[in-house]
Amino acid sequence: MITKVSGIRVSERVFSILDEFLQYETSNGHKLYAYLQTFYNCREQGYYLTVADDDLDNPNRVQENLYIFVCEARSSDNILVVIQTEYPDGHYSEDAWNNKDKFNNTNYFGYDEEHKAADFIYKKIKEFLKLGD
């Protein structure tokens, strides 16, 4: 039997929940462009989500992207979420890891708190895209 590494499984669960939240936004007319890619930095592996404002008709659209990394933490089975706006080089940046990114977001959630992690990410995406509450 082939199994996925735990970091990938954790990341998939969080992004699956997040996808349900984002479907709500797009069903309400918000334009969003988002896609997943894998990342690997020796100790951690998972997916990262690239989020962009796809509302090309809006003169106030956000011009930069948001990159959200989710994996299992390197020294525990907690969920790690790292958010940055700088283009990733295959993994999150040192600045994002050290909380120097403008979002100041390196966050840990319990191993069974996928919904909390997804809700946190959802709120950050809404904040980034200026979608309001």
N, C-alpha and C. Protein backbone atom coordinates (compact mmCIF):
# COMPACT_ATOMS: atom_id res chain seq x y z
N MET A 1 0.84 -1.18 0.00
CA MET A 1 0.00 0.00 0.00
C MET A 1 0.88 1.24 0.00
N ILE A 2 0.54 2.22 -0.79
CA ILE A 2 1.27 3.48 -0.85
C ILE A 2 0.52 4.49 0.00
N THR A 3 1.26 5.17 0.87
CA THR A 3 0.65 6.22 1.69
C THR A 3 1.37 7.53 1.46
N LYS A 4 0.67 8.62 1.69
CA LYS A 4 1.25 9.95 1.56
C LYS A 4 1.93 10.31 2.88
N VAL A 5 2.98 11.12 2.80
CA VAL A 5 3.62 11.60 4.02
C VAL A 5 2.62 12.46 4.78
N SER A 6 2.77 12.54 6.08
CA SER A 6 1.77 13.21 6.92
C SER A 6 1.63 14.69 6.59
N GLY A 7 2.73 15.36 6.22
CA GLY A 7 2.64 16.78 5.87
C GLY A 7 1.71 17.03 4.70
N ILE A 8 1.74 16.15 3.72
CA ILE A 8 0.85 16.27 2.56
C ILE A 8 -0.59 16.01 2.97
N ARG A 9 -0.81 14.98 3.79
CA ARG A 9 -2.18 14.68 4.23
C ARG A 9 -2.78 15.83 5.04
N VAL A 10 -1.99 16.41 5.95
CA VAL A 10 -2.45 17.54 6.76
C VAL A 10 -2.80 18.71 5.85
N SER A 11 -1.91 19.02 4.93
CA SER A 11 -2.12 20.13 4.02
C SER A 11 -3.39 19.93 3.18
N GLU A 12 -3.60 18.73 2.69
CA GLU A 12 -4.79 18.43 1.90
C GLU A 12 -6.06 18.65 2.71
N ARG A 13 -6.07 18.21 3.96
CA ARG A 13 -7.27 18.36 4.79
C ARG A 13 -7.59 19.84 5.01
N VAL A 14 -6.58 20.64 5.33
CA VAL A 14 -6.81 22.07 5.57
C VAL A 14 -7.31 22.75 4.30
N PHE A 15 -6.66 22.50 3.17
CA PHE A 15 -7.07 23.17 1.94
C PHE A 15 -8.41 22.67 1.43
N SER A 16 -8.78 21.45 1.74
CA SER A 16 -10.11 20.95 1.37
C SER A 16 -11.19 21.73 2.12
N ILE A 17 -11.00 21.98 3.40
CA ILE A 17 -11.94 22.78 4.19
C ILE A 17 -11.96 24.22 3.67
N LEU A 18 -10.78 24.77 3.42
CA LEU A 18 -10.68 26.14 2.91
C LEU A 18 -11.42 26.28 1.59
N ASP A 19 -11.34 25.28 0.75
CA ASP A 19 -12.00 25.33 -0.56
C ASP A 19 -13.51 25.53 -0.40
N GLU A 20 -14.10 24.92 0.61
CA GLU A 20 -15.53 25.11 0.86
C GLU A 20 -15.82 26.57 1.20
N PHE A 21 -14.95 27.20 2.02
CA PHE A 21 -15.13 28.61 2.36
C PHE A 21 -15.00 29.48 1.12
N LEU A 22 -14.03 29.20 0.28
CA LEU A 22 -13.79 30.02 -0.90
C LEU A 22 -14.90 29.86 -1.93
N GLN A 23 -15.51 28.70 -1.99
CA GLN A 23 -16.64 28.52 -2.90
C GLN A 23 -17.78 29.45 -2.53
N TYR A 24 -17.95 29.70 -1.25
CA TYR A 24 -18.96 30.64 -0.79
C TYR A 24 -18.66 32.04 -1.35
N GLU A 25 -17.40 32.47 -1.26
CA GLU A 25 -17.03 33.80 -1.76
C GLU A 25 -17.27 33.92 -3.26
N THR A 26 -16.86 32.92 -4.01
CA THR A 26 -17.02 33.00 -5.47
C THR A 26 -18.49 32.89 -5.86
N SER A 27 -19.29 32.17 -5.08
CA SER A 27 -20.72 32.09 -5.38
C SER A 27 -21.41 33.42 -5.11
N ASN A 28 -20.79 34.28 -4.32
CA ASN A 28 -21.34 35.61 -4.04
C ASN A 28 -20.74 36.68 -4.94
N GLY A 29 -20.11 36.28 -6.02
CA GLY A 29 -19.65 37.23 -7.02
C GLY A 29 -18.22 37.72 -6.88
N HIS A 30 -17.51 37.29 -5.85
CA HIS A 30 -16.12 37.72 -5.71
C HIS A 30 -15.26 36.93 -6.69
N LYS A 31 -14.35 37.63 -7.32
CA LYS A 31 -13.46 36.98 -8.29
C LYS A 31 -12.14 36.66 -7.60
N LEU A 32 -11.75 35.42 -7.73
CA LEU A 32 -10.57 34.94 -7.03
C LEU A 32 -9.86 33.93 -7.92
N TYR A 33 -8.54 34.01 -7.93
CA TYR A 33 -7.73 33.04 -8.66
C TYR A 33 -6.82 32.38 -7.63
N ALA A 34 -6.93 31.07 -7.48
CA ALA A 34 -6.13 30.36 -6.49
C ALA A 34 -5.76 28.98 -7.00
N TYR A 35 -4.53 28.56 -6.72
CA TYR A 35 -4.11 27.22 -7.10
C TYR A 35 -3.07 26.70 -6.12
N LEU A 36 -2.99 25.37 -6.03
CA LEU A 36 -2.08 24.69 -5.12
C LEU A 36 -0.85 24.16 -5.84
N GLN A 37 0.26 24.20 -5.14
CA GLN A 37 1.51 23.57 -5.58
C GLN A 37 2.14 22.91 -4.36
N THR A 38 3.01 21.96 -4.61
CA THR A 38 3.71 21.32 -3.50
C THR A 38 4.97 22.10 -3.14
N PHE A 39 5.41 21.94 -1.89
CA PHE A 39 6.70 22.48 -1.49
C PHE A 39 7.39 21.46 -0.60
N TYR A 40 8.70 21.61 -0.52
CA TYR A 40 9.51 20.69 0.25
C TYR A 40 10.76 21.45 0.69
N ASN A 41 11.02 21.46 1.99
CA ASN A 41 12.24 22.12 2.45
C ASN A 41 13.01 21.23 3.44
N CYS A 42 13.14 19.99 3.09
CA CYS A 42 13.84 18.95 3.85
C CYS A 42 12.99 18.41 5.00
N ARG A 43 12.71 19.22 6.01
CA ARG A 43 11.95 18.72 7.16
C ARG A 43 10.44 18.82 6.97
N GLU A 44 9.99 19.76 6.18
CA GLU A 44 8.56 19.98 6.02
C GLU A 44 8.18 19.85 4.55
N GLN A 45 7.03 19.28 4.34
CA GLN A 45 6.48 19.20 2.99
C GLN A 45 4.99 19.32 3.07
N GLY A 46 4.43 19.91 2.05
CA GLY A 46 2.98 20.13 2.00
C GLY A 46 2.63 20.87 0.74
N TYR A 47 1.53 21.58 0.80
CA TYR A 47 1.09 22.39 -0.32
C TYR A 47 1.16 23.86 0.05
N TYR A 48 1.33 24.68 -0.97
CA TYR A 48 1.13 26.11 -0.76
C TYR A 48 0.13 26.61 -1.79
N LEU A 49 -0.68 27.54 -1.32
CA LEU A 49 -1.73 28.11 -2.12
C LEU A 49 -1.30 29.49 -2.60
N THR A 50 -1.44 29.73 -3.89
CA THR A 50 -1.22 31.06 -4.45
C THR A 50 -2.59 31.67 -4.66
N VAL A 51 -2.78 32.87 -4.11
CA VAL A 51 -4.06 33.57 -4.20
C VAL A 51 -3.82 34.90 -4.90
N ALA A 52 -4.65 35.19 -5.89
CA ALA A 52 -4.57 36.46 -6.61
C ALA A 52 -5.96 37.02 -6.79
N ASP A 53 -6.03 38.31 -6.90
CA ASP A 53 -7.29 39.02 -7.16
C ASP A 53 -7.54 38.93 -8.67
N ASP A 54 -8.58 38.22 -9.04
CA ASP A 54 -8.87 37.99 -10.45
C ASP A 54 -9.94 38.94 -10.99
N ASP A 55 -10.20 40.01 -10.27
CA ASP A 55 -11.21 40.97 -10.70
C ASP A 55 -10.55 42.04 -11.56
N LEU A 56 -10.31 41.71 -12.81
CA LEU A 56 -9.56 42.60 -13.71
C LEU A 56 -10.30 43.90 -14.01
N ASP A 57 -11.61 43.91 -13.80
CA ASP A 57 -12.40 45.12 -14.05
C ASP A 57 -12.36 46.10 -12.89
N ASN A 58 -11.84 45.68 -11.75
CA ASN A 58 -11.81 46.52 -10.56
C ASN A 58 -10.52 47.35 -10.55
N PRO A 59 -10.60 48.68 -10.60
CA PRO A 59 -9.39 49.51 -10.60
C PRO A 59 -8.64 49.44 -9.26
N ASN A 60 -9.31 48.99 -8.21
CA ASN A 60 -8.68 48.88 -6.88
C ASN A 60 -8.20 47.47 -6.57
N ARG A 61 -8.11 46.62 -7.58
CA ARG A 61 -7.73 45.23 -7.32
C ARG A 61 -6.33 45.14 -6.74
N VAL A 62 -6.11 44.11 -5.96
CA VAL A 62 -4.81 43.86 -5.34
C VAL A 62 -3.87 43.34 -6.42
N GLN A 63 -2.71 43.97 -6.55
CA GLN A 63 -1.79 43.62 -7.63
C GLN A 63 -0.80 42.51 -7.26
N GLU A 64 -0.62 42.24 -5.98
CA GLU A 64 0.34 41.21 -5.59
C GLU A 64 -0.38 39.91 -5.26
N ASN A 65 0.38 38.87 -5.06
CA ASN A 65 -0.17 37.56 -4.71
C ASN A 65 0.07 37.28 -3.23
N LEU A 66 -0.72 36.37 -2.72
CA LEU A 66 -0.57 35.88 -1.36
C LEU A 66 -0.20 34.41 -1.46
N TYR A 67 0.80 33.99 -0.70
CA TYR A 67 1.26 32.60 -0.70
C TYR A 67 1.07 32.03 0.69
N ILE A 68 0.34 30.92 0.77
CA ILE A 68 -0.01 30.33 2.05
C ILE A 68 0.49 28.89 2.08
N PHE A 69 1.40 28.62 2.99
CA PHE A 69 2.02 27.30 3.14
C PHE A 69 1.37 26.57 4.30
N VAL A 70 1.03 25.31 4.11
CA VAL A 70 0.46 24.48 5.17
C VAL A 70 1.17 23.14 5.17
N CYS A 71 1.58 22.72 6.37
CA CYS A 71 2.24 21.43 6.50
C CYS A 71 2.18 21.00 7.96
N GLU A 72 2.75 19.86 8.24
CA GLU A 72 2.92 19.43 9.61
C GLU A 72 4.21 20.06 10.12
N ALA A 73 4.18 20.58 11.35
CA ALA A 73 5.36 21.24 11.92
C ALA A 73 6.52 20.25 12.01
N ARG A 74 7.73 20.77 11.91
CA ARG A 74 8.91 19.90 11.85
C ARG A 74 9.19 19.12 13.13
N SER A 75 8.80 19.64 14.28
CA SER A 75 9.15 18.95 15.53
C SER A 75 7.93 18.45 16.31
N SER A 76 6.75 18.47 15.66
CA SER A 76 5.55 17.97 16.32
C SER A 76 4.55 17.58 15.24
N ASP A 77 3.38 17.17 15.66
CA ASP A 77 2.34 16.87 14.68
C ASP A 77 1.33 18.01 14.57
N ASN A 78 1.71 19.19 15.05
CA ASN A 78 0.87 20.37 14.91
C ASN A 78 0.82 20.82 13.45
N ILE A 79 -0.20 21.60 13.12
CA ILE A 79 -0.34 22.16 11.78
C ILE A 79 0.39 23.50 11.75
N LEU A 80 1.24 23.68 10.77
CA LEU A 80 1.99 24.92 10.59
C LEU A 80 1.43 25.66 9.38
N VAL A 81 1.15 26.95 9.57
CA VAL A 81 0.69 27.83 8.48
C VAL A 81 1.65 29.01 8.41
N VAL A 82 2.21 29.23 7.23
CA VAL A 82 3.11 30.37 7.00
C VAL A 82 2.55 31.15 5.81
N ILE A 83 2.43 32.46 5.99
CA ILE A 83 1.86 33.33 4.95
C ILE A 83 2.89 34.38 4.55
N GLN A 84 2.99 34.61 3.24
CA GLN A 84 3.90 35.65 2.75
C GLN A 84 3.37 36.21 1.45
N THR A 85 3.91 37.37 1.06
CA THR A 85 3.55 37.96 -0.23
C THR A 85 4.71 37.91 -1.22
N GLU A 86 5.90 37.67 -0.75
CA GLU A 86 7.03 37.58 -1.68
C GLU A 86 7.00 36.24 -2.40
N TYR A 87 7.41 36.26 -3.66
CA TYR A 87 7.37 35.05 -4.48
C TYR A 87 8.23 33.96 -3.84
N PRO A 88 7.67 32.76 -3.66
CA PRO A 88 8.42 31.69 -3.01
C PRO A 88 9.40 31.02 -3.97
N ASP A 89 10.50 30.60 -3.42
CA ASP A 89 11.51 29.87 -4.19
C ASP A 89 11.42 28.39 -3.82
N GLY A 90 10.24 27.83 -4.00
CA GLY A 90 10.04 26.42 -3.69
C GLY A 90 9.65 26.16 -2.25
N HIS A 91 9.77 27.15 -1.39
CA HIS A 91 9.37 27.03 0.02
C HIS A 91 9.22 28.43 0.59
N TYR A 92 8.69 28.50 1.81
CA TYR A 92 8.47 29.82 2.41
C TYR A 92 9.81 30.49 2.72
N SER A 93 9.77 31.82 2.81
CA SER A 93 11.00 32.59 2.99
C SER A 93 11.43 32.60 4.45
N GLU A 94 12.68 32.90 4.65
CA GLU A 94 13.22 33.05 6.00
C GLU A 94 12.52 34.20 6.74
N ASP A 95 12.23 35.27 6.02
CA ASP A 95 11.52 36.40 6.63
C ASP A 95 10.14 35.98 7.12
N ALA A 96 9.41 35.25 6.29
CA ALA A 96 8.08 34.79 6.70
C ALA A 96 8.18 33.87 7.91
N TRP A 97 9.16 32.99 7.90
CA TRP A 97 9.35 32.06 9.02
C TRP A 97 9.65 32.82 10.32
N ASN A 98 10.42 33.88 10.21
CA ASN A 98 10.79 34.66 11.39
C ASN A 98 9.79 35.77 11.72
N ASN A 99 8.62 35.73 11.14
CA ASN A 99 7.56 36.70 11.41
C ASN A 99 7.91 38.12 10.99
N LYS A 100 8.76 38.29 10.01
CA LYS A 100 9.12 39.62 9.55
C LYS A 100 8.27 40.07 8.37
N ASP A 101 7.53 39.13 7.79
CA ASP A 101 6.66 39.46 6.67
C ASP A 101 5.59 40.44 7.13
N LYS A 102 5.06 41.23 6.22
CA LYS A 102 4.08 42.24 6.62
C LYS A 102 2.82 41.64 7.23
N PHE A 103 2.54 40.37 6.98
CA PHE A 103 1.39 39.72 7.59
C PHE A 103 1.72 39.17 8.97
N ASN A 104 3.00 39.13 9.34
CA ASN A 104 3.43 38.67 10.66
C ASN A 104 2.76 37.35 11.01
N ASN A 105 2.82 36.40 10.09
CA ASN A 105 2.05 35.18 10.28
C ASN A 105 2.86 33.90 10.10
N THR A 106 3.33 33.38 11.19
CA THR A 106 3.73 31.98 11.26
C THR A 106 2.91 31.44 12.42
N ASN A 107 1.99 30.56 12.12
CA ASN A 107 1.04 30.12 13.13
C ASN A 107 0.98 28.62 13.24
N TYR A 108 0.78 28.16 14.47
CA TYR A 108 0.63 26.74 14.76
C TYR A 108 -0.79 26.47 15.23
N PHE A 109 -1.30 25.33 14.82
CA PHE A 109 -2.60 24.85 15.27
C PHE A 109 -2.42 23.40 15.71
N GLY A 110 -3.28 22.96 16.60
CA GLY A 110 -3.21 21.58 17.06
C GLY A 110 -3.36 20.59 15.91
N TYR A 111 -2.91 19.37 16.12
CA TYR A 111 -2.94 18.37 15.06
C TYR A 111 -4.35 18.10 14.53
N ASP A 112 -5.36 18.37 15.35
CA ASP A 112 -6.74 18.12 14.96
C ASP A 112 -7.54 19.41 14.74
N GLU A 113 -6.85 20.51 14.52
CA GLU A 113 -7.52 21.80 14.36
C GLU A 113 -7.50 22.30 12.90
N GLU A 114 -7.81 21.38 11.98
CA GLU A 114 -7.83 21.75 10.57
C GLU A 114 -8.83 22.86 10.30
N HIS A 115 -10.00 22.82 10.96
CA HIS A 115 -11.01 23.85 10.74
C HIS A 115 -10.52 25.22 11.23
N LYS A 116 -9.83 25.23 12.36
CA LYS A 116 -9.29 26.51 12.86
C LYS A 116 -8.25 27.06 11.91
N ALA A 117 -7.39 26.19 11.40
CA ALA A 117 -6.36 26.63 10.45
C ALA A 117 -7.01 27.16 9.17
N ALA A 118 -8.01 26.44 8.66
CA ALA A 118 -8.69 26.88 7.44
C ALA A 118 -9.42 28.20 7.66
N ASP A 119 -10.05 28.37 8.81
CA ASP A 119 -10.74 29.61 9.13
C ASP A 119 -9.76 30.77 9.22
N PHE A 120 -8.61 30.54 9.84
CA PHE A 120 -7.56 31.55 9.94
C PHE A 120 -7.11 31.98 8.54
N ILE A 121 -6.86 31.01 7.67
CA ILE A 121 -6.41 31.29 6.31
C ILE A 121 -7.50 32.05 5.54
N TYR A 122 -8.72 31.61 5.68
CA TYR A 122 -9.86 32.26 5.02
C TYR A 122 -9.93 33.74 5.40
N LYS A 123 -9.80 34.03 6.68
CA LYS A 123 -9.84 35.42 7.13
C LYS A 123 -8.67 36.23 6.57
N LYS A 124 -7.49 35.63 6.47
CA LYS A 124 -6.34 36.32 5.90
C LYS A 124 -6.53 36.59 4.41
N ILE A 125 -7.14 35.65 3.70
CA ILE A 125 -7.40 35.87 2.28
C ILE A 125 -8.40 37.01 2.10
N LYS A 126 -9.46 37.01 2.90
CA LYS A 126 -10.45 38.09 2.81
C LYS A 126 -9.81 39.44 3.14
N GLU A 127 -8.95 39.46 4.14
CA GLU A 127 -8.24 40.69 4.51
C GLU A 127 -7.34 41.14 3.37
N PHE A 128 -6.61 40.22 2.79
CA PHE A 128 -5.69 40.51 1.70
C PHE A 128 -6.42 41.08 0.49
N LEU A 129 -7.55 40.46 0.14
CA LEU A 129 -8.30 40.87 -1.03
C LEU A 129 -9.31 41.98 -0.73
N LYS A 130 -9.32 42.42 0.52
CA LYS A 130 -10.20 43.51 0.96
C LYS A 130 -11.68 43.17 0.67
N LEU A 131 -12.08 41.96 1.08
CA LEU A 131 -13.45 41.51 0.86
C LEU A 131 -14.38 41.86 2.00
N GLY A 132 -13.85 42.32 3.11
CA GLY A 132 -14.69 42.66 4.25
C GLY A 132 -15.12 41.42 5.01
N ASP A 133 -16.02 41.62 5.96
CA ASP A 133 -16.47 40.50 6.78
C ASP A 133 -17.59 39.77 6.18
